[in-house]
Amino acid sequence: MQLVFYGADKEVTGSCHCLEACGKRILIDCGLQQGADGGDNQELPFYAQQIDYVIVTHAHIDHSGRLPLLVKNGYQGKIYATGATCDLLSIMLRDSAHIQEMDAINANRKGKRAGKKPEEPLYTIDDAQNAIRKLEPCIYGDVVPLCDGLRFRMVDAGHLLGSASVELWAEEQGETRKIVFSGDIGNLNQPIIRDPQYIQEADYVVMESTYGNREHDPIKSYIPDLAKVFDETLSAGGNVIIPSFAVGRTQELLYFIREMKAKKLVKSVPDFPVYVDSPLAAEATEIYRGDLTGYADKETVQVLRDGFRPLRFPNLHICESVAESKGLNEDGVPKVIISSSGMCEAGRIRHHLKHNLWRSECSVVFVGYQANGTLGRILIDGAKRVKLFGEEISVEARIRNFKALSGHADHKGLLHWIDSFTQKPRRVFVVHGEQEICQGFTEELKTLGYNAYAPNFHAAADLVSNTILEEGTEPVRVKAKARRVQAAFARLVEAGRRLMRVIQENEGGANKDLAKFADQINSLSDKWSR
């Protein structure tokens, strides 16, 4: 019974963990790497055909974005997620595939002029559709059997509509272990969705640490403070540009802006125009406007029962076409523009930044986590000039970072989540955090009496003996080409691990057959030995 770490190990993105038990392999998440983590996503560090089950904690791309690649590479099984996560994945994976295809087209347009070989997209919309067809909806609290000895249950993580922590039980050769995968632990008092639910028992815990060294600002001052930024910017004739994750954060913002307008907090332009410039956000908002039974908090449920729609208000506009998007920066009317991507790495937001960053009367408001190496983080860190579409842009707009509105639990929230266990787990594996934060939070847990460990990429742990089998490799901050070599090496290591399992399975075989097997291994080793 082993746990292997394939992503978000001393990094924030690319979450992927694998439990090997009962002769099966269960993958928990299969996310894309982004920002400084985003080396080479092209190669999976394991063989897709050898994965038996996949469980997805939530729909964010850093937890789900390589599912189409997994299916493309031969995965045949089901993909388990809550019903709301399945609904969101059906649009997010298609959108991600569209981005992959467009990136390949743009790269090949430039590459052709440079005489380079054509690039293939990571996956296509057809690949995304194939993955979507494998989605299997689950209900919070239901125990789902996978096979003899393996079952799991999903608990509301309070991070995103449909997000879950996963309780997974594995029974093998008379030994039973319960492993809890936190997913992304939610912040308290977020609009629409419920607060995270807490779990009391586990043998092992795989826990995120995104905000392991920071506390959020008080949420109570969020709406007035945001309204003040709107008021100052719009009265000066500027635009408010909000890079926002299309799913989750955008809908929360609309909820807050609806309240802001109802209370007339923006004095200069009470009926200010708000534009959601993201086709993906538009589709996701329709899901949030639907039946939220089992997902929404009590306040939202009551509002919906009263017939009121919390994500609709006067002067709200949804931009669908590219022409509409371009027109937002041409009409001269001060407005609020909410656009994705939330970390400014792709999408229409980069065009809005190009047209507004150099204007001192404008404001850029960040409302979510900005991973190391992303344009969002570069702007928050105080860059004076940035490059967009080959053009150098002076940063004159005011840059504001609202840390109160976060989908992640802060340092205090993380400690509250782990302290909810009535007995300390045998070991806590700390993942999903920048390297220094991840290591620092691990050391803090140790001082609190936890057996905590921050795994490297491709680390492996034996869950019966509670021992670390492989330390894995530290994150590599290099260009994508170099990371591709690392990914290929990871596949080689995985092949070696498989060989050891095959050797163990042949214990007790005929001497003649075992001798022949040994000769074949030695011959291969002689060929590749350096």
Protein backbone atom coordinates (compact mmCIF):
# COMPACT_ATOMS: atom_id res chain seq x y z
CA MET A 1 0.00 0.00 0.00
CA GLN A 2 1.84 3.04 -1.29
CA LEU A 3 1.25 6.73 -1.92
CA VAL A 4 3.17 8.39 -4.77
CA PHE A 5 3.31 12.15 -5.38
CA TYR A 6 3.12 13.32 -8.99
CA GLY A 7 2.40 17.05 -8.72
CA ALA A 8 2.03 20.19 -6.54
CA ASP A 9 4.95 18.93 -4.45
CA LYS A 10 6.58 22.06 -3.00
CA GLU A 11 4.71 23.81 -5.81
CA VAL A 12 1.24 25.33 -5.99
CA THR A 13 -0.13 23.92 -9.24
CA GLY A 14 -0.34 20.58 -11.02
CA SER A 15 -1.95 18.62 -8.16
CA CYS A 16 -1.68 14.87 -8.68
CA HIS A 17 -1.31 12.03 -6.17
CA CYS A 18 -1.60 8.27 -6.64
CA LEU A 19 -2.60 5.59 -4.15
CA GLU A 20 -1.45 2.06 -5.00
CA ALA A 21 -3.50 -0.49 -3.04
CA CYS A 22 -5.44 -3.72 -3.55
CA GLY A 23 -3.69 -4.21 -6.88
CA LYS A 24 -5.18 -0.93 -8.17
CA ARG A 25 -3.98 2.60 -8.79
CA ILE A 26 -6.21 5.50 -7.81
CA LEU A 27 -5.30 8.97 -9.04
CA ILE A 28 -6.43 11.92 -6.94
CA ASP A 29 -6.53 14.94 -9.29
CA CYS A 30 -4.61 15.40 -12.52
CA GLY A 31 -3.87 19.10 -12.81
CA LEU A 32 -1.96 21.41 -15.13
CA GLN A 33 1.19 23.17 -14.00
CA GLN A 34 1.00 26.96 -14.29
CA GLY A 35 3.26 29.98 -13.80
CA ALA A 36 6.77 29.17 -12.58
CA ASP A 37 5.57 25.61 -11.92
CA GLY A 38 4.58 25.27 -15.56
CA GLY A 39 7.48 23.40 -17.08
CA ASP A 40 6.42 20.63 -19.40
CA ASN A 41 2.84 19.40 -19.21
CA GLN A 42 3.26 17.23 -22.30
CA GLU A 43 4.34 14.06 -20.54
CA LEU A 44 2.60 12.35 -17.66
CA PRO A 45 5.04 10.96 -15.06
CA PHE A 46 3.24 7.58 -15.14
CA TYR A 47 1.53 5.32 -17.66
CA ALA A 48 -2.09 6.35 -18.17
CA GLN A 49 -3.11 2.79 -19.07
CA GLN A 50 -2.04 1.61 -15.60
CA ILE A 51 -4.40 3.96 -13.73
CA ASP A 52 -7.61 2.19 -12.63
CA TYR A 53 -9.65 5.05 -11.07
CA VAL A 54 -9.54 8.85 -10.97
CA ILE A 55 -11.11 11.06 -8.28
CA VAL A 56 -11.21 14.84 -8.83
CA THR A 57 -11.48 17.16 -5.82
CA HIS A 58 -12.72 20.18 -7.80
CA ALA A 59 -12.86 21.77 -11.24
CA HIS A 60 -9.98 24.26 -11.14
CA ILE A 61 -7.54 23.55 -13.95
CA ASP A 62 -4.55 23.13 -11.65
CA HIS A 63 -6.41 20.07 -10.30
CA SER A 64 -8.15 18.85 -13.46
CA GLY A 65 -6.40 20.29 -16.52
CA ARG A 66 -4.55 17.14 -17.61
CA LEU A 67 -7.58 14.84 -17.52
CA PRO A 68 -8.01 15.06 -21.33
CA LEU A 69 -4.31 14.19 -21.72
CA LEU A 70 -4.79 11.23 -19.40
CA VAL A 71 -7.68 9.93 -21.50
CA LYS A 72 -5.80 10.72 -24.73
CA ASN A 73 -2.91 8.57 -23.45
CA GLY A 74 -5.12 5.57 -22.80
CA TYR A 75 -6.98 5.90 -19.49
CA GLN A 76 -10.12 3.76 -19.73
CA GLY A 77 -11.85 4.14 -16.35
CA LYS A 78 -14.33 6.52 -14.76
CA ILE A 79 -13.59 10.01 -13.42
CA TYR A 80 -15.38 10.55 -10.11
CA ALA A 81 -16.40 14.03 -8.91
CA THR A 82 -19.36 15.75 -7.29
CA GLY A 83 -22.26 16.62 -9.58
CA ALA A 84 -21.44 20.34 -9.53
CA THR A 85 -17.79 19.62 -10.31
CA CYS A 86 -18.89 17.48 -13.27
CA ASP A 87 -21.05 20.36 -14.55
CA LEU A 88 -18.15 22.82 -14.25
CA LEU A 89 -15.63 20.41 -15.78
CA SER A 90 -17.84 20.02 -18.82
CA ILE A 91 -17.17 23.67 -19.70
CA MET A 92 -13.71 24.15 -18.18
CA LEU A 93 -12.05 21.23 -19.95
CA ARG A 94 -13.49 22.32 -23.28
CA ASP A 95 -12.25 25.85 -22.65
CA SER A 96 -8.81 24.55 -21.68
CA ALA A 97 -8.68 22.47 -24.86
CA HIS A 98 -9.59 25.53 -26.92
CA ILE A 99 -6.69 27.41 -25.30
CA GLN A 100 -4.33 24.51 -26.04
CA GLU A 101 -5.39 24.49 -29.70
CA MET A 102 -5.07 28.27 -30.06
CA ASP A 103 -1.65 28.25 -28.38
CA ALA A 104 -0.47 25.60 -30.85
CA ILE A 105 -1.80 27.59 -33.82
CA ASN A 106 -0.07 30.77 -32.64
CA ALA A 107 3.18 28.95 -31.90
CA ASN A 108 3.15 27.29 -35.31
CA ARG A 109 2.48 30.59 -37.05
CA LYS A 110 5.66 32.00 -35.51
CA GLY A 111 7.54 28.72 -35.76
CA LYS A 112 6.89 28.36 -39.46
CA ARG A 113 8.60 31.66 -40.15
CA ALA A 114 11.53 30.47 -38.03
CA GLY A 115 11.71 27.11 -39.79
CA LYS A 116 10.70 25.13 -36.69
CA LYS A 117 8.79 21.85 -36.67
CA PRO A 118 5.01 22.13 -36.07
CA GLU A 119 3.81 21.77 -32.48
CA GLU A 120 0.83 19.68 -31.45
CA PRO A 121 -1.63 20.96 -28.83
CA LEU A 122 -1.45 19.28 -25.45
CA TYR A 123 -4.94 17.99 -26.22
CA THR A 124 -7.89 18.89 -28.41
CA ILE A 125 -11.56 19.62 -27.83
CA ASP A 126 -12.30 16.04 -28.93
CA ASP A 127 -9.93 14.80 -26.21
CA ALA A 128 -11.74 17.00 -23.67
CA GLN A 129 -15.10 15.63 -24.78
CA ASN A 130 -13.79 12.08 -24.35
CA ALA A 131 -12.75 12.93 -20.79
CA ILE A 132 -16.11 14.59 -20.06
CA ARG A 133 -17.91 11.42 -21.12
CA LYS A 134 -16.07 9.53 -18.37
CA LEU A 135 -17.34 11.80 -15.56
CA GLU A 136 -19.25 9.98 -12.83
CA PRO A 137 -21.23 12.32 -10.50
CA CYS A 138 -21.09 11.70 -6.74
CA ILE A 139 -23.05 13.13 -3.81
CA TYR A 140 -21.49 14.56 -0.67
CA GLY A 141 -21.56 12.01 2.13
CA ASP A 142 -22.24 8.92 -0.01
CA VAL A 143 -19.71 6.09 0.34
CA VAL A 144 -18.71 4.96 -3.16
CA PRO A 145 -17.21 1.45 -3.54
CA LEU A 146 -14.49 1.15 -6.18
CA CYS A 147 -13.59 -2.53 -5.80
CA ASP A 148 -12.95 -5.06 -3.03
CA GLY A 149 -10.98 -3.23 -0.35
CA LEU A 150 -11.37 0.30 -1.78
CA ARG A 151 -14.08 2.87 -1.12
CA PHE A 152 -14.27 6.66 -0.82
CA ARG A 153 -16.51 9.50 0.34
CA MET A 154 -16.59 13.20 -0.56
CA VAL A 155 -16.92 16.01 1.99
CA ASP A 156 -17.60 19.66 1.15
CA ALA A 157 -14.25 21.51 1.13
CA GLY A 158 -15.87 24.97 0.87
CA HIS A 159 -13.43 26.15 -1.80
CA LEU A 160 -15.49 26.19 -4.99
CA LEU A 161 -18.96 25.06 -6.00
CA GLY A 162 -18.76 21.26 -5.73
CA SER A 163 -15.26 21.17 -4.25
CA ALA A 164 -14.47 18.21 -2.02
CA SER A 165 -12.05 16.69 0.40
CA VAL A 166 -11.77 12.95 -0.19
CA GLU A 167 -11.87 10.24 2.48
CA LEU A 168 -10.45 7.04 1.00
CA TRP A 169 -10.36 3.66 2.77
CA ALA A 170 -7.98 0.91 1.58
CA GLU A 171 -7.99 -2.63 3.03
CA GLU A 172 -5.22 -4.96 1.93
CA GLN A 173 -3.93 -8.19 3.47
CA GLY A 174 -5.72 -7.53 6.73
CA GLU A 175 -4.44 -3.94 7.01
CA THR A 176 -6.86 -1.00 6.71
CA ARG A 177 -5.77 2.58 6.24
CA LYS A 178 -7.85 5.73 5.86
CA ILE A 179 -6.26 8.46 3.74
CA VAL A 180 -7.76 11.95 3.58
CA PHE A 181 -6.95 14.22 0.65
CA SER A 182 -7.85 17.78 1.61
CA GLY A 183 -8.13 19.15 -1.92
CA ASP A 184 -8.14 22.94 -1.63
CA ILE A 185 -9.50 23.92 1.79
CA GLY A 186 -11.95 26.79 1.55
CA ASN A 187 -12.00 30.17 3.22
CA LEU A 188 -14.75 31.04 5.70
CA ASN A 189 -17.80 33.20 4.95
CA GLN A 190 -17.53 33.08 1.17
CA PRO A 191 -20.74 34.01 -0.63
CA ILE A 192 -22.95 31.37 -2.24
CA ILE A 193 -21.07 28.22 -1.11
CA ARG A 194 -20.89 26.64 2.33
CA ASP A 195 -17.97 26.80 4.73
CA PRO A 196 -15.61 23.81 4.68
CA GLN A 197 -16.74 20.73 6.56
CA TYR A 198 -14.26 19.13 8.91
CA ILE A 199 -13.11 15.52 9.15
CA GLN A 200 -12.26 13.91 12.47
CA GLU A 201 -10.41 10.67 11.69
CA ALA A 202 -7.59 9.62 9.38
CA ASP A 203 -4.46 7.50 9.36
CA TYR A 204 -2.81 9.73 6.76
CA VAL A 205 -3.60 13.22 5.49
CA VAL A 206 -2.50 14.90 2.26
CA MET A 207 -2.99 18.60 2.98
CA GLU A 208 -2.69 21.79 0.97
CA SER A 209 -0.63 24.72 2.28
CA THR A 210 -1.22 27.57 -0.20
CA TYR A 211 -1.55 30.26 2.49
CA GLY A 212 0.51 28.44 5.10
CA ASN A 213 2.32 31.62 6.18
CA ARG A 214 -0.33 34.33 5.71
CA GLU A 215 -3.58 35.54 7.24
CA HIS A 216 -6.36 37.07 5.14
CA ASP A 217 -7.65 40.57 5.71
CA PRO A 218 -10.98 40.79 7.60
CA ILE A 219 -13.81 39.96 5.21
CA LYS A 220 -16.20 42.47 6.82
CA SER A 221 -14.39 45.45 5.27
CA TYR A 222 -14.17 43.90 1.82
CA ILE A 223 -17.27 45.39 0.16
CA PRO A 224 -16.78 48.98 1.44
CA ASP A 225 -13.08 48.94 0.54
CA LEU A 226 -13.77 47.60 -2.93
CA ALA A 227 -16.55 50.15 -3.41
CA LYS A 228 -14.09 52.92 -2.49
CA VAL A 229 -11.68 51.78 -5.24
CA PHE A 230 -14.58 51.70 -7.72
CA ASP A 231 -15.70 55.18 -6.67
CA GLU A 232 -12.26 56.78 -6.92
CA THR A 233 -11.45 55.17 -10.27
CA LEU A 234 -14.78 55.69 -12.03
CA SER A 235 -15.06 59.32 -10.85
CA ALA A 236 -11.59 59.96 -12.35
CA GLY A 237 -12.76 58.58 -15.70
CA GLY A 238 -10.83 55.32 -15.45
CA ASN A 239 -11.69 51.67 -15.79
CA VAL A 240 -11.49 49.08 -13.03
CA ILE A 241 -9.87 45.95 -14.45
CA ILE A 242 -10.34 42.78 -12.39
CA PRO A 243 -8.45 39.66 -13.44
CA SER A 244 -10.65 36.92 -12.07
CA PHE A 245 -10.92 33.17 -12.22
CA ALA A 246 -13.88 32.50 -14.48
CA VAL A 247 -15.30 29.86 -12.18
CA GLY A 248 -15.95 30.71 -8.55
CA ARG A 249 -14.28 34.07 -8.08
CA THR A 250 -16.24 35.86 -10.82
CA GLN A 251 -19.55 34.66 -9.39
CA GLU A 252 -18.52 35.76 -5.88
CA LEU A 253 -17.63 39.19 -7.25
CA LEU A 254 -21.04 39.53 -8.90
CA TYR A 255 -22.66 38.62 -5.60
CA PHE A 256 -20.70 41.37 -3.82
CA ILE A 257 -21.27 43.96 -6.56
CA ARG A 258 -25.01 43.27 -6.45
CA GLU A 259 -24.93 44.08 -2.72
CA MET A 260 -22.70 47.12 -3.36
CA LYS A 261 -25.24 48.52 -5.82
CA ALA A 262 -28.19 47.77 -3.57
CA LYS A 263 -26.56 49.79 -0.78
CA LYS A 264 -25.47 52.57 -3.22
CA LEU A 265 -21.90 52.49 -1.95
CA VAL A 266 -20.42 53.92 -5.18
CA LYS A 267 -21.55 57.54 -4.86
CA SER A 268 -20.05 59.01 -8.06
CA VAL A 269 -21.66 56.50 -10.46
CA PRO A 270 -24.34 54.53 -8.53
CA ASP A 271 -25.43 52.57 -11.61
CA PHE A 272 -21.92 51.88 -12.90
CA PRO A 273 -21.66 49.40 -15.79
CA VAL A 274 -20.14 45.97 -15.10
CA TYR A 275 -18.90 43.76 -17.93
CA VAL A 276 -18.06 40.07 -17.56
CA ASP A 277 -15.73 39.50 -20.48
CA SER A 278 -15.23 35.76 -20.51
CA PRO A 279 -17.32 33.18 -22.39
CA LEU A 280 -16.25 30.60 -19.80
CA ALA A 281 -17.38 32.83 -16.92
CA ALA A 282 -20.69 33.36 -18.68
CA GLU A 283 -21.30 29.60 -18.92
CA ALA A 284 -20.18 29.03 -15.35
CA THR A 285 -22.47 31.80 -14.08
CA GLU A 286 -25.44 29.98 -15.60
CA ILE A 287 -24.50 26.91 -13.55
CA TYR A 288 -24.35 29.07 -10.43
CA ARG A 289 -27.79 30.44 -11.30
CA GLY A 290 -29.23 26.91 -11.48
CA ASP A 291 -30.24 24.39 -8.81
CA LEU A 292 -27.71 24.72 -6.00
CA THR A 293 -29.40 22.27 -3.64
CA GLY A 294 -26.74 20.53 -1.57
CA TYR A 295 -24.06 23.10 -2.43
CA ALA A 296 -25.20 26.62 -1.46
CA ASP A 297 -25.06 28.17 2.00
CA LYS A 298 -28.25 28.91 3.95
CA GLU A 299 -28.34 32.59 2.97
CA THR A 300 -28.14 31.84 -0.75
CA VAL A 301 -30.70 29.04 -0.49
CA GLN A 302 -33.14 31.44 1.18
CA VAL A 303 -32.51 34.14 -1.43
CA LEU A 304 -33.20 31.65 -4.22
CA ARG A 305 -36.37 30.40 -2.52
CA ASP A 306 -37.60 33.97 -2.31
CA GLY A 307 -37.29 34.17 -6.10
CA PHE A 308 -34.38 36.63 -6.07
CA ARG A 309 -31.38 36.03 -8.31
CA PRO A 310 -28.17 36.96 -6.42
CA LEU A 311 -26.01 37.19 -9.56
CA ARG A 312 -28.20 39.60 -11.50
CA PHE A 313 -28.41 43.39 -11.17
CA PRO A 314 -28.97 46.47 -13.37
CA ASN A 315 -26.27 47.42 -15.90
CA LEU A 316 -24.61 43.97 -15.85
CA HIS A 317 -23.41 42.89 -19.30
CA ILE A 318 -21.96 39.61 -20.53
CA CYS A 319 -19.53 39.88 -23.45
CA GLU A 320 -19.61 36.92 -25.78
CA SER A 321 -17.85 38.00 -28.98
CA VAL A 322 -14.32 39.26 -29.56
CA ALA A 323 -15.79 42.41 -31.14
CA GLU A 324 -17.70 43.18 -27.93
CA SER A 325 -14.55 42.63 -25.91
CA LYS A 326 -12.52 45.02 -28.06
CA GLY A 327 -15.23 47.64 -27.87
CA LEU A 328 -14.91 47.90 -24.10
CA ASN A 329 -11.67 49.85 -24.47
CA GLU A 330 -12.90 52.07 -27.30
CA ASP A 331 -16.11 53.75 -26.08
CA GLY A 332 -14.47 55.89 -23.35
CA VAL A 333 -17.16 55.08 -20.75
CA PRO A 334 -15.69 54.31 -17.29
CA LYS A 335 -16.61 50.76 -16.30
CA VAL A 336 -15.75 47.66 -14.32
CA ILE A 337 -14.33 44.86 -16.47
CA ILE A 338 -14.09 41.36 -14.99
CA SER A 339 -12.09 39.07 -17.23
CA SER A 340 -10.05 35.86 -17.08
CA SER A 341 -7.58 34.42 -16.61
CA GLY A 342 -7.24 35.18 -12.92
CA MET A 343 -3.43 35.13 -12.99
CA CYS A 344 -3.23 37.08 -16.29
CA GLU A 345 -1.51 34.21 -18.08
CA ALA A 346 -3.95 33.92 -21.00
CA GLY A 347 -7.29 35.08 -22.31
CA ARG A 348 -8.89 38.46 -22.83
CA ILE A 349 -7.55 39.99 -19.62
CA ARG A 350 -4.17 40.52 -21.25
CA HIS A 351 -5.76 42.77 -23.88
CA HIS A 352 -7.50 44.81 -21.19
CA LEU A 353 -4.22 45.18 -19.30
CA LYS A 354 -2.50 46.35 -22.48
CA HIS A 355 -5.10 49.11 -22.94
CA ASN A 356 -5.37 50.19 -19.29
CA LEU A 357 -2.10 49.56 -17.42
CA TRP A 358 -0.50 52.73 -18.82
CA ARG A 359 -3.44 54.93 -17.72
CA SER A 360 -2.93 56.48 -14.27
CA GLU A 361 -6.68 57.00 -13.80
CA CYS A 362 -7.33 53.24 -14.02
CA SER A 363 -7.06 50.53 -11.37
CA VAL A 364 -6.18 46.86 -11.60
CA VAL A 365 -7.73 44.90 -8.74
CA PHE A 366 -6.52 41.40 -7.88
CA VAL A 367 -8.94 39.21 -5.96
CA GLY A 368 -7.24 35.83 -5.94
CA TYR A 369 -3.98 34.00 -5.45
CA GLN A 370 -1.20 34.85 -7.94
CA ALA A 371 1.27 32.02 -8.42
CA ASN A 372 4.98 32.73 -8.56
CA GLY A 373 6.10 33.61 -12.10
CA THR A 374 2.68 34.70 -13.39
CA LEU A 375 2.03 38.19 -14.80
CA GLY A 376 -0.37 38.77 -11.92
CA ARG A 377 2.35 38.15 -9.34
CA ILE A 378 4.80 40.33 -11.31
CA LEU A 379 2.34 43.24 -11.19
CA ILE A 380 1.58 42.77 -7.49
CA ASP A 381 5.31 42.70 -6.78
CA GLY A 382 5.61 46.22 -8.21
CA ALA A 383 6.83 45.88 -11.81
CA LYS A 384 7.12 49.26 -13.52
CA ARG A 385 7.03 47.88 -17.06
CA VAL A 386 5.67 44.63 -18.53
CA LYS A 387 5.59 43.13 -22.00
CA LEU A 388 2.26 42.30 -23.63
CA PHE A 389 1.89 41.06 -27.20
CA GLY A 390 5.45 42.08 -27.97
CA GLU A 391 4.93 45.64 -26.73
CA GLU A 392 6.44 47.13 -23.61
CA ILE A 393 3.75 48.70 -21.41
CA SER A 394 4.39 51.20 -18.62
CA VAL A 395 2.54 50.38 -15.39
CA GLU A 396 0.86 53.63 -14.31
CA ALA A 397 -2.49 52.25 -13.12
CA ARG A 398 -2.99 51.65 -9.41
CA ILE A 399 -2.46 48.00 -8.51
CA ARG A 400 -4.63 46.75 -5.64
CA ASN A 401 -4.54 43.31 -4.04
CA PHE A 402 -7.63 42.30 -2.06
CA LYS A 403 -6.46 39.32 -0.03
CA ALA A 404 -9.71 39.01 1.91
CA LEU A 405 -11.52 37.47 -1.04
CA SER A 406 -9.71 34.18 -1.37
CA GLY A 407 -11.05 30.72 -2.03
CA HIS A 408 -8.29 29.23 0.14
CA ALA A 409 -8.15 28.97 3.91
CA ASP A 410 -5.45 31.17 5.39
CA HIS A 411 -2.81 30.08 7.92
CA LYS A 412 -5.28 30.16 10.78
CA GLY A 413 -7.89 28.28 8.74
CA LEU A 414 -5.41 25.55 7.78
CA LEU A 415 -4.48 24.99 11.42
CA HIS A 416 -8.16 24.83 12.36
CA TRP A 417 -8.75 22.22 9.63
CA ILE A 418 -5.91 19.90 10.73
CA ASP A 419 -6.78 20.38 14.42
CA SER A 420 -10.29 19.03 13.73
CA PHE A 421 -8.91 15.47 13.75
CA THR A 422 -9.62 13.97 17.17
CA GLN A 423 -6.31 12.06 17.06
CA LYS A 424 -3.22 13.15 15.21
CA PRO A 425 -2.79 11.20 11.94
CA ARG A 426 0.20 8.88 11.58
CA ARG A 427 1.62 11.35 9.09
CA VAL A 428 0.59 14.59 7.38
CA PHE A 429 1.89 15.09 3.84
CA VAL A 430 2.05 18.83 3.13
CA VAL A 431 1.57 19.75 -0.55
CA HIS A 432 0.21 22.52 -2.81
CA GLY A 433 2.34 25.41 -1.58
CA GLU A 434 5.33 27.38 -2.80
CA GLN A 435 8.52 25.67 -1.67
CA GLU A 436 9.39 27.94 1.25
CA ILE A 437 5.78 28.13 2.45
CA CYS A 438 5.30 24.39 2.18
CA GLN A 439 8.48 23.66 4.11
CA GLY A 440 7.74 26.34 6.72
CA PHE A 441 4.23 25.07 7.37
CA THR A 442 5.59 21.52 7.65
CA GLU A 443 8.07 22.63 10.31
CA GLU A 444 5.30 24.43 12.18
CA LEU A 445 3.16 21.29 12.21
CA LYS A 446 6.12 19.39 13.65
CA THR A 447 6.38 21.85 16.54
CA LEU A 448 2.67 21.19 17.20
CA GLY A 449 3.31 17.47 17.54
CA TYR A 450 2.41 16.28 14.05
CA ASN A 451 4.52 13.84 12.08
CA ALA A 452 4.64 16.12 9.03
CA TYR A 453 6.49 15.67 5.75
CA ALA A 454 6.70 17.81 2.60
CA PRO A 455 7.19 15.37 -0.30
CA ASN A 456 9.18 16.10 -3.41
CA PHE A 457 8.03 15.22 -6.90
CA HIS A 458 7.89 11.43 -7.28
CA ALA A 459 8.33 10.77 -3.56
CA ALA A 460 6.73 7.52 -2.39
CA ALA A 461 5.52 6.39 1.02
CA ASP A 462 4.58 2.97 2.39
CA LEU A 463 1.30 3.39 4.29
CA VAL A 464 1.52 0.09 6.16
CA SER A 465 4.92 0.68 7.76
CA ASN A 466 4.67 4.50 7.61
CA THR A 467 8.04 4.85 5.93
CA ILE A 468 9.31 7.02 3.09
CA LEU A 469 10.42 4.74 0.26
CA GLU A 470 11.70 7.42 -2.13
CA GLU A 471 12.54 11.06 -1.40
CA GLY A 472 11.84 12.18 -4.98
CA THR A 473 13.32 15.28 -6.60
CA GLU A 474 13.18 18.95 -5.62
CA PRO A 475 11.24 21.39 -7.86
CA VAL A 476 13.27 22.47 -10.88
CA ARG A 477 12.95 26.15 -11.88
CA VAL A 478 14.11 25.92 -15.46
CA LYS A 479 12.73 26.30 -18.92
CA ALA A 480 10.15 23.92 -20.33
CA LYS A 481 12.67 22.07 -22.51
CA ALA A 482 14.74 21.12 -19.51
CA ARG A 483 11.63 20.04 -17.62
CA ARG A 484 10.72 17.74 -20.50
CA VAL A 485 13.93 15.80 -19.84
CA GLN A 486 12.93 15.58 -16.18
CA ALA A 487 9.48 14.24 -17.10
CA ALA A 488 11.03 11.59 -19.33
CA PHE A 489 13.34 10.57 -16.49
CA ALA A 490 10.32 10.34 -14.19
CA ARG A 491 8.74 7.87 -16.59
CA LEU A 492 11.94 5.85 -16.52
CA VAL A 493 11.85 5.76 -12.72
CA GLU A 494 8.22 4.68 -12.88
CA ALA A 495 9.17 1.86 -15.26
CA GLY A 496 11.79 0.77 -12.74
CA ARG A 497 9.22 0.73 -9.96
CA ARG A 498 6.94 -1.40 -12.12
CA LEU A 499 9.79 -3.81 -12.79
CA MET A 500 10.33 -4.26 -9.04
CA ARG A 501 6.65 -5.06 -8.58
CA VAL A 502 6.81 -7.65 -11.37
CA ILE A 503 9.87 -9.22 -9.74
CA GLN A 504 8.05 -9.47 -6.41
CA GLU A 505 4.99 -11.00 -8.09
CA ASN A 506 7.18 -13.78 -9.52
CA GLU A 507 8.49 -14.92 -6.15
CA GLY A 508 8.16 -18.71 -5.92
CA GLY A 509 8.30 -19.22 -9.68
CA ALA A 510 10.26 -21.94 -11.42
CA ASN A 511 14.03 -21.53 -11.09
CA LYS A 512 14.49 -21.83 -14.86
CA ASP A 513 12.02 -18.99 -15.54
CA LEU A 514 13.47 -16.78 -12.82
CA ALA A 515 17.00 -17.30 -14.12
CA LYS A 516 15.88 -16.34 -17.62
CA PHE A 517 14.15 -13.22 -16.25
CA ALA A 518 17.32 -12.23 -14.37
CA ASP A 519 19.45 -12.70 -17.48
CA GLN A 520 17.11 -10.42 -19.46
CA ILE A 521 17.33 -7.70 -16.80
CA ASN A 522 21.12 -7.98 -16.62
CA SER A 523 21.38 -7.79 -20.41
CA LEU A 524 19.28 -4.61 -20.47
CA SER A 525 21.31 -3.13 -17.61
CA ASP A 526 24.57 -3.86 -19.43
CA LYS A 527 23.25 -2.05 -22.50
CA TRP A 528 22.38 1.16 -20.60
CA SER A 529 25.06 1.14 -17.92
CA ARG A 530 27.37 4.18 -18.02
